[in-house]
Amino acid sequence: MIIDNLIQLNEHLEELDFPPVLNTDNFCSLMWNPTTGDYTMEVKAALLEGTSLTSTLHIRQAGNTDSYYLEYFVSLLSGLTADNTRKHAFPISLDIGHREAFNLLSGRAVYKRLPKSPCDGAGCWLQINFEEVDSSGGYKWHHWRGFDLEKAFDRLPIRDVELGALKPFMLSSLRKGNQLQVTFERGRKTEQRLIEAAPSRRIIVIRVPEKVRLEGNDEFQSSAHIE
């Protein structure tokens, strides 16, 4: 029974972009947290050079059975800025993956279609509100609707060879809050750029990658219209 449950837990972790970290050896050494009444395990990742993402998995036993499930995880991102760390709890009900947690803690937005609040059955963009906290001390959420990502994307001068079959993948990646490196084509000139969705402004933000960044020019207006 416990082996079957471990397989199911690892499959769920993989769906959330975590590595399949549980096995019969380390499962027995999970740390019991008497305060929260669950078991915890840390997973560390470096998803961007110079940063560290540490996520604590909170695994709960279903009653007196041999069944265990992932209830939520808490992610701590450090190194994004010189003097700042960001920490937030992600309940499994929000269907947030490990990489998406990194993107959210980095200040970007993620698109979700959730049956309950905050999306209430419709698609919406979630973004952490780092300016306000709730009664439990966690950050509150922004949620945005009405942003036509595909329309904004279609107005970008992305080189044709990068589109075609790749377009659905690129849109899906942007909805997960990822930054994408693309090639802009303006006449005979090509430029490497980073793009990310900014639903609060209903635009796609264009940035210059560090290796080609020019002084005083690190963000451009883009979006549903190109100026």
Foldseek 3Di string as FASTA:
>chain_A
DLQVQLVVQLVVLVLLVHHSPDDPVCVVVFCQDPVVRFTWDWDWDDPDPQKIKIKIWTKHDDPPDSHIHTFKIKIWMPRLDDPDIDIAIGGCQQVHHPVLVVLQRNFFKAWDQHCDPPNVRGIWIKHWDPVDADPVGGTDIDIADDQDVVLQVVQFQFDPVCDDPCPVVVSNCLNSNDWDWTWGDDPPDIATWIWHDDRVVSAIKIAHPPVPDDPPGGTDGGGNHHD
